[in-house]
Structures are given as structure tokens and as C-alpha cells.
PDB file of all heavy atoms in Angstrom:
ATOM      1  N   THR A   1     106.486  92.531 104.477  1.00  0.00           N
ATOM      2  CA  THR A   1     106.538  92.153 103.145  1.00  0.00           C
ATOM      3  C   THR A   1     107.994  91.931 102.762  1.00  0.00           C
ATOM      4  O   THR A   1     108.814  92.755 103.016  1.00  0.00           O
ATOM      5  CB  THR A   1     106.053  93.186 102.140  1.00  0.00           C
ATOM      6  OG1 THR A   1     104.642  93.469 102.503  1.00  0.00           O
ATOM      7  CG2 THR A   1     106.004  92.657 100.710  1.00  0.00           C
ATOM      8  N   LEU A   2     108.283  90.753 102.281  1.00  0.00           N
ATOM      9  CA  LEU A   2     109.624  90.295 101.971  1.00  0.00           C
ATOM     10  C   LEU A   2     109.780  90.109 100.404  1.00  0.00           C
ATOM     11  O   LEU A   2     109.031  89.260  99.760  1.00  0.00           O
ATOM     12  CB  LEU A   2     109.962  88.997 102.592  1.00  0.00           C
ATOM     13  CG  LEU A   2     109.742  89.059 104.118  1.00  0.00           C
ATOM     14  CD1 LEU A   2     109.651  87.614 104.675  1.00  0.00           C
ATOM     15  CD2 LEU A   2     110.853  89.820 104.861  1.00  0.00           C
ATOM     16  N   PHE A   3     110.745  90.714  99.800  1.00  0.00           N
ATOM     17  CA  PHE A   3     110.976  90.706  98.262  1.00  0.00           C
ATOM     18  C   PHE A   3     112.153  89.782  98.136  1.00  0.00           C
ATOM     19  O   PHE A   3     113.350  90.231  98.507  1.00  0.00           O
ATOM     20  CB  PHE A   3     111.137  92.064  97.720  1.00  0.00           C
ATOM     21  CG  PHE A   3     110.032  92.979  97.820  1.00  0.00           C
ATOM     22  CD1 PHE A   3     109.601  93.698  98.933  1.00  0.00           C
ATOM     23  CD2 PHE A   3     109.036  92.831  96.659  1.00  0.00           C
ATOM     24  CE1 PHE A   3     108.564  94.484  98.991  1.00  0.00           C
ATOM     25  CE2 PHE A   3     107.886  93.606  96.754  1.00  0.00           C
ATOM     26  CZ  PHE A   3     107.685  94.477  97.856  1.00  0.00           C
ATOM     27  N   LEU A   4     111.984  88.622  97.643  1.00  0.00           N
ATOM     28  CA  LEU A   4     113.130  87.626  97.466  1.00  0.00           C
ATOM     29  C   LEU A   4     113.965  87.995  96.343  1.00  0.00           C
ATOM     30  O   LEU A   4     113.537  88.489  95.219  1.00  0.00           O
ATOM     31  CB  LEU A   4     112.574  86.302  97.323  1.00  0.00           C
ATOM     32  CG  LEU A   4     112.036  85.585  98.636  1.00  0.00           C
ATOM     33  CD1 LEU A   4     110.766  84.860  98.404  1.00  0.00           C
ATOM     34  CD2 LEU A   4     113.249  84.704  99.185  1.00  0.00           C
ATOM     35  N   LYS A   5     115.238  87.564  96.373  1.00  0.00           N
ATOM     36  CA  LYS A   5     116.177  87.793  95.274  1.00  0.00           C
ATOM     37  C   LYS A   5     115.886  86.610  94.191  1.00  0.00           C
ATOM     38  O   LYS A   5     116.219  86.839  93.080  1.00  0.00           O
ATOM     39  CB  LYS A   5     117.668  87.549  95.829  1.00  0.00           C
ATOM     40  CG  LYS A   5     118.064  88.797  96.620  1.00  0.00           C
ATOM     41  CD  LYS A   5     119.479  88.623  97.174  1.00  0.00           C
ATOM     42  CE  LYS A   5     119.879  89.697  98.137  1.00  0.00           C
ATOM     43  NZ  LYS A   5     121.272  89.483  98.661  1.00  0.00           N
ATOM     44  N   SER A   6     115.458  85.435  94.725  1.00  0.00           N
ATOM     45  CA  SER A   6     115.245  84.356  93.746  1.00  0.00           C
ATOM     46  C   SER A   6     113.850  83.768  93.965  1.00  0.00           C
ATOM     47  O   SER A   6     113.445  83.530  95.194  1.00  0.00           O
ATOM     48  CB  SER A   6     116.303  83.157  94.037  1.00  0.00           C
ATOM     49  OG  SER A   6     115.969  82.021  93.264  1.00  0.00           O
ATOM     50  N   THR A   7     113.173  83.501  93.043  1.00  0.00           N
ATOM     51  CA  THR A   7     111.766  82.934  93.126  1.00  0.00           C
ATOM     52  C   THR A   7     111.803  81.504  93.465  1.00  0.00           C
ATOM     53  O   THR A   7     110.876  80.917  93.885  1.00  0.00           O
ATOM     54  CB  THR A   7     111.022  83.086  91.767  1.00  0.00           C
ATOM     55  OG1 THR A   7     111.780  82.426  90.765  1.00  0.00           O
ATOM     56  CG2 THR A   7     110.812  84.540  91.377  1.00  0.00           C
ATOM     57  N   SER A   8     113.002  80.843  93.400  1.00  0.00           N
ATOM     58  CA  SER A   8     113.132  79.439  93.714  1.00  0.00           C
ATOM     59  C   SER A   8     112.864  79.138  95.139  1.00  0.00           C
ATOM     60  O   SER A   8     112.587  77.974  95.613  1.00  0.00           O
ATOM     61  CB  SER A   8     114.465  78.925  93.408  1.00  0.00           C
ATOM     62  OG  SER A   8     115.555  79.471  93.988  1.00  0.00           O
ATOM     63  N   HIS A   9     112.936  80.085  96.114  1.00  0.00           N
ATOM     64  CA  HIS A   9     112.850  79.982  97.477  1.00  0.00           C
ATOM     65  C   HIS A   9     111.474  80.547  98.048  1.00  0.00           C
ATOM     66  O   HIS A   9     111.261  80.484  99.243  1.00  0.00           O
ATOM     67  CB  HIS A   9     113.973  80.791  98.270  1.00  0.00           C
ATOM     68  CG  HIS A   9     115.294  80.173  98.028  1.00  0.00           C
ATOM     69  ND1 HIS A   9     116.395  80.847  98.446  1.00  0.00           N
ATOM     70  CD2 HIS A   9     115.730  79.062  97.359  1.00  0.00           C
ATOM     71  CE1 HIS A   9     117.476  80.162  98.152  1.00  0.00           C
ATOM     72  NE2 HIS A   9     117.000  79.003  97.421  1.00  0.00           N
ATOM     73  N   ILE A  10     110.591  80.821  97.139  1.00  0.00           N
ATOM     74  CA  ILE A  10     109.081  81.341  97.512  1.00  0.00           C
ATOM     75  C   ILE A  10     108.464  80.184  98.359  1.00  0.00           C
ATOM     76  O   ILE A  10     107.997  80.452  99.413  1.00  0.00           O
ATOM     77  CB  ILE A  10     108.332  81.600  96.264  1.00  0.00           C
ATOM     78  CG1 ILE A  10     108.759  82.991  95.691  1.00  0.00           C
ATOM     79  CG2 ILE A  10     106.858  81.562  96.707  1.00  0.00           C
ATOM     80  CD1 ILE A  10     108.156  84.185  96.321  1.00  0.00           C
ATOM     81  N   GLY A  11     108.455  79.061  97.998  1.00  0.00           N
ATOM     82  CA  GLY A  11     107.761  77.872  98.735  1.00  0.00           C
ATOM     83  C   GLY A  11     108.289  77.723 100.190  1.00  0.00           C
ATOM     84  O   GLY A  11     107.519  77.536 101.040  1.00  0.00           O
ATOM     85  N   HIS A  12     109.679  77.742 100.292  1.00  0.00           N
ATOM     86  CA  HIS A  12     110.249  77.719 101.502  1.00  0.00           C
ATOM     87  C   HIS A  12     109.791  78.755 102.518  1.00  0.00           C
ATOM     88  O   HIS A  12     109.420  78.557 103.662  1.00  0.00           O
ATOM     89  CB  HIS A  12     111.797  77.726 101.369  1.00  0.00           C
ATOM     90  CG  HIS A  12     112.407  77.969 102.766  1.00  0.00           C
ATOM     91  ND1 HIS A  12     112.645  76.858 103.650  1.00  0.00           N
ATOM     92  CD2 HIS A  12     113.018  78.952 103.367  1.00  0.00           C
ATOM     93  CE1 HIS A  12     113.363  77.285 104.673  1.00  0.00           C
ATOM     94  NE2 HIS A  12     113.543  78.527 104.527  1.00  0.00           N
ATOM     95  N   TRP A  13     109.746  79.975 102.056  1.00  0.00           N
ATOM     96  CA  TRP A  13     109.384  81.052 102.954  1.00  0.00           C
ATOM     97  C   TRP A  13     107.825  81.047 103.187  1.00  0.00           C
ATOM     98  O   TRP A  13     107.417  81.492 104.270  1.00  0.00           O
ATOM     99  CB  TRP A  13     109.814  82.410 102.393  1.00  0.00           C
ATOM    100  CG  TRP A  13     111.343  82.491 102.531  1.00  0.00           C
ATOM    101  CD1 TRP A  13     112.323  82.352 101.660  1.00  0.00           C
ATOM    102  CD2 TRP A  13     111.999  82.747 103.759  1.00  0.00           C
ATOM    103  NE1 TRP A  13     113.614  82.499 102.161  1.00  0.00           N
ATOM    104  CE2 TRP A  13     113.392  82.727 103.613  1.00  0.00           C
ATOM    105  CE3 TRP A  13     111.593  82.950 105.193  1.00  0.00           C
ATOM    106  CZ2 TRP A  13     114.368  82.825 104.499  1.00  0.00           C
ATOM    107  CZ3 TRP A  13     112.512  83.114 106.169  1.00  0.00           C
ATOM    108  CH2 TRP A  13     114.005  83.073 105.821  1.00  0.00           C
ATOM    109  N   LEU A  14     107.050  80.619 102.286  1.00  0.00           N
ATOM    110  CA  LEU A  14     105.607  80.555 102.520  1.00  0.00           C
ATOM    111  C   LEU A  14     105.314  79.573 103.681  1.00  0.00           C
ATOM    112  O   LEU A  14     104.431  79.725 104.534  1.00  0.00           O
ATOM    113  CB  LEU A  14     104.901  79.994 101.298  1.00  0.00           C
ATOM    114  CG  LEU A  14     104.707  81.080 100.138  1.00  0.00           C
ATOM    115  CD1 LEU A  14     104.168  80.343  98.868  1.00  0.00           C
ATOM    116  CD2 LEU A  14     103.713  82.239 100.590  1.00  0.00           C
ATOM    117  N   SER A  15     106.053  78.480 103.760  1.00  0.00           N
ATOM    118  CA  SER A  15     105.935  77.532 104.832  1.00  0.00           C
ATOM    119  C   SER A  15     106.544  77.841 106.089  1.00  0.00           C
ATOM    120  O   SER A  15     106.248  77.429 107.181  1.00  0.00           O
ATOM    121  CB  SER A  15     106.288  76.185 104.308  1.00  0.00           C
ATOM    122  OG  SER A  15     107.680  76.121 104.070  1.00  0.00           O
ATOM    123  N   GLN A  16     107.709  78.634 105.960  1.00  0.00           N
ATOM    124  CA  GLN A  16     108.548  78.892 107.184  1.00  0.00           C
ATOM    125  C   GLN A  16     108.159  80.106 107.979  1.00  0.00           C
ATOM    126  O   GLN A  16     108.463  80.128 109.160  1.00  0.00           O
ATOM    127  CB  GLN A  16     109.985  79.161 106.690  1.00  0.00           C
ATOM    128  CG  GLN A  16     111.048  79.192 107.703  1.00  0.00           C
ATOM    129  CD  GLN A  16     111.340  77.801 108.312  1.00  0.00           C
ATOM    130  OE1 GLN A  16     110.752  76.823 107.872  1.00  0.00           O
ATOM    131  NE2 GLN A  16     111.956  77.779 109.535  1.00  0.00           N
ATOM    132  N   LEU A  17     107.541  81.161 107.307  1.00  0.00           N
ATOM    133  CA  LEU A  17     107.206  82.341 108.103  1.00  0.00           C
ATOM    134  C   LEU A  17     106.230  82.165 109.235  1.00  0.00           C
ATOM    135  O   LEU A  17     106.499  82.791 110.415  1.00  0.00           O
ATOM    136  CB  LEU A  17     106.715  83.424 107.101  1.00  0.00           C
ATOM    137  CG  LEU A  17     107.694  84.078 106.296  1.00  0.00           C
ATOM    138  CD1 LEU A  17     106.959  84.939 105.265  1.00  0.00           C
ATOM    139  CD2 LEU A  17     108.667  84.827 107.082  1.00  0.00           C
ATOM    140  N   GLY A  18     105.305  81.312 109.193  1.00  0.00           N
ATOM    141  CA  GLY A  18     104.426  81.107 110.332  1.00  0.00           C
ATOM    142  C   GLY A  18     105.102  80.449 111.478  1.00  0.00           C
ATOM    143  O   GLY A  18     104.822  80.786 112.576  1.00  0.00           O
ATOM    144  N   THR A  19     105.958  79.526 111.169  1.00  0.00           N
ATOM    145  CA  THR A  19     106.833  78.910 112.246  1.00  0.00           C
ATOM    146  C   THR A  19     107.743  79.939 112.971  1.00  0.00           C
ATOM    147  O   THR A  19     107.788  79.984 114.117  1.00  0.00           O
ATOM    148  CB  THR A  19     107.745  77.777 111.641  1.00  0.00           C
ATOM    149  OG1 THR A  19     106.805  76.787 111.073  1.00  0.00           O
ATOM    150  CG2 THR A  19     108.509  77.090 112.816  1.00  0.00           C
ATOM    151  N   LEU A  20     108.310  80.822 112.177  1.00  0.00           N
ATOM    152  CA  LEU A  20     109.274  81.831 112.547  1.00  0.00           C
ATOM    153  C   LEU A  20     108.471  82.834 113.583  1.00  0.00           C
ATOM    154  O   LEU A  20     108.940  83.309 114.595  1.00  0.00           O
ATOM    155  CB  LEU A  20     109.885  82.577 111.528  1.00  0.00           C
ATOM    156  CG  LEU A  20     111.122  81.814 110.954  1.00  0.00           C
ATOM    157  CD1 LEU A  20     111.642  82.707 109.752  1.00  0.00           C
ATOM    158  CD2 LEU A  20     112.275  81.736 111.860  1.00  0.00           C
ATOM    159  N   TRP A  21     107.232  83.082 113.150  1.00  0.00           N
ATOM    160  CA  TRP A  21     106.410  84.017 114.012  1.00  0.00           C
ATOM    161  C   TRP A  21     106.095  83.438 115.361  1.00  0.00           C
ATOM    162  O   TRP A  21     106.112  84.097 116.329  1.00  0.00           O
ATOM    163  CB  TRP A  21     105.061  84.278 113.318  1.00  0.00           C
ATOM    164  CG  TRP A  21     104.125  85.218 114.031  1.00  0.00           C
ATOM    165  CD1 TRP A  21     103.041  84.836 114.715  1.00  0.00           C
ATOM    166  CD2 TRP A  21     104.354  86.583 114.202  1.00  0.00           C
ATOM    167  NE1 TRP A  21     102.560  85.975 115.235  1.00  0.00           N
ATOM    168  CE2 TRP A  21     103.281  87.109 114.999  1.00  0.00           C
ATOM    169  CE3 TRP A  21     105.290  87.511 113.740  1.00  0.00           C
ATOM    170  CZ2 TRP A  21     103.194  88.362 115.418  1.00  0.00           C
ATOM    171  CZ3 TRP A  21     105.121  88.879 114.081  1.00  0.00           C
ATOM    172  CH2 TRP A  21     104.054  89.282 114.931  1.00  0.00           C
ATOM    173  N   GLN A  22     105.885  82.158 115.379  1.00  0.00           N
ATOM    174  CA  GLN A  22     105.732  81.568 116.692  1.00  0.00           C
ATOM    175  C   GLN A  22     106.886  81.543 117.657  1.00  0.00           C
ATOM    176  O   GLN A  22     106.801  81.627 118.796  1.00  0.00           O
ATOM    177  CB  GLN A  22     105.243  79.997 116.513  1.00  0.00           C
ATOM    178  CG  GLN A  22     103.953  79.796 115.690  1.00  0.00           C
ATOM    179  CD  GLN A  22     102.820  80.692 116.427  1.00  0.00           C
ATOM    180  OE1 GLN A  22     102.627  80.695 117.593  1.00  0.00           O
ATOM    181  NE2 GLN A  22     102.029  81.229 115.522  1.00  0.00           N
ATOM    182  N   GLN A  23     108.074  81.687 116.989  1.00  0.00           N
ATOM    183  CA  GLN A  23     109.333  81.787 117.752  1.00  0.00           C
ATOM    184  C   GLN A  23     109.755  83.254 117.983  1.00  0.00           C
ATOM    185  O   GLN A  23     110.608  83.397 118.737  1.00  0.00           O
ATOM    186  CB  GLN A  23     110.452  81.077 116.815  1.00  0.00           C
ATOM    187  CG  GLN A  23     110.317  79.640 116.659  1.00  0.00           C
ATOM    188  CD  GLN A  23     111.207  79.168 115.592  1.00  0.00           C
ATOM    189  OE1 GLN A  23     112.140  79.787 115.141  1.00  0.00           O
ATOM    190  NE2 GLN A  23     111.139  77.799 115.290  1.00  0.00           N
ATOM    191  N   ALA A  24     109.008  84.224 117.256  1.00  0.00           N
ATOM    192  CA  ALA A  24     109.487  85.464 117.304  1.00  0.00           C
ATOM    193  C   ALA A  24     109.344  86.163 118.857  1.00  0.00           C
ATOM    194  O   ALA A  24     108.412  85.764 119.653  1.00  0.00           O
ATOM    195  CB  ALA A  24     108.520  86.429 116.462  1.00  0.00           C
ATOM    196  N   GLU A  25     110.398  86.965 119.077  1.00  0.00           N
ATOM    197  CA  GLU A  25     110.504  87.630 120.387  1.00  0.00           C
ATOM    198  C   GLU A  25     110.104  89.166 120.289  1.00  0.00           C
ATOM    199  O   GLU A  25     110.492  89.638 119.155  1.00  0.00           O
ATOM    200  CB  GLU A  25     111.896  87.323 120.963  1.00  0.00           C
ATOM    201  CG  GLU A  25     112.386  85.930 121.066  1.00  0.00           C
ATOM    202  CD  GLU A  25     113.776  85.817 121.400  1.00  0.00           C
ATOM    203  OE1 GLU A  25     114.471  86.788 121.627  1.00  0.00           O
ATOM    204  OE2 GLU A  25     114.340  84.696 121.567  1.00  0.00           O
ATOM    205  N   GLU A  26     109.595  89.640 121.300  1.00  0.00           N
ATOM    206  CA  GLU A  26     109.337  90.982 121.359  1.00  0.00           C
ATOM    207  C   GLU A  26     110.803  91.730 121.740  1.00  0.00           C
ATOM    208  O   GLU A  26     111.367  91.457 122.623  1.00  0.00           O
ATOM    209  CB  GLU A  26     108.388  91.453 122.401  1.00  0.00           C
ATOM    210  CG  GLU A  26     106.981  90.891 122.190  1.00  0.00           C
ATOM    211  CD  GLU A  26     106.135  91.057 123.309  1.00  0.00           C
ATOM    212  OE1 GLU A  26     106.411  91.984 124.259  1.00  0.00           O
ATOM    213  OE2 GLU A  26     105.098  90.377 123.478  1.00  0.00           O
ATOM    214  N   ILE A  27     111.100  92.562 120.715  1.00  0.00           N
ATOM    215  CA  ILE A  27     112.423  93.203 120.962  1.00  0.00           C
ATOM    216  C   ILE A  27     112.121  94.828 120.992  1.00  0.00           C
ATOM    217  O   ILE A  27     111.183  95.375 120.484  1.00  0.00           O
ATOM    218  CB  ILE A  27     113.413  93.074 119.792  1.00  0.00           C
ATOM    219  CG1 ILE A  27     112.834  93.579 118.371  1.00  0.00           C
ATOM    220  CG2 ILE A  27     113.723  91.584 119.699  1.00  0.00           C
ATOM    221  CD1 ILE A  27     113.934  93.548 117.369  1.00  0.00           C
ATOM    222  N   SER A  28     112.976  95.551 121.731  1.00  0.00           N
ATOM    223  CA  SER A  28     112.822  96.893 121.942  1.00  0.00           C
ATOM    224  C   SER A  28     114.015  97.640 121.202  1.00  0.00           C
ATOM    225  O   SER A  28     115.187  97.268 121.502  1.00  0.00           O
ATOM    226  CB  SER A  28     112.898  97.322 123.392  1.00  0.00           C
ATOM    227  OG  SER A  28     112.948  98.713 123.565  1.00  0.00           O
ATOM    228  N   ILE A  29     113.714  98.305 120.077  1.00  0.00           N
ATOM    229  CA  ILE A  29     114.794  99.050 119.414  1.00  0.00           C
ATOM    230  C   ILE A  29     115.050 100.346 120.152  1.00  0.00           C
ATOM    231  O   ILE A  29     114.250 101.116 120.376  1.00  0.00           O
ATOM    232  CB  ILE A  29     114.307  99.400 118.008  1.00  0.00           C
ATOM    233  CG1 ILE A  29     114.023  97.984 117.147  1.00  0.00           C
ATOM    234  CG2 ILE A  29     115.239 100.086 117.219  1.00  0.00           C
ATOM    235  CD1 ILE A  29     113.575  98.176 115.820  1.00  0.00           C
TER     236      ILE A  29
END
């Protein structure tokens, strides 16, 4: 869950997160 500082970027992140997930790498903390 991501809480944005500005509501003006809501649309961008709604469309971008699925693409980022496809690029996501498994990381080991």
C-alpha cells in the first residue's frame, strides 16, 4: 500500500505499478 503525497499522481501509479511488478526482482534482505 502506497500513500501518495499528492493526489495528482494517482493515475500514473495506478497504471505504472503493474508494469513495475513485471520488472520486479527477488531480493534478499
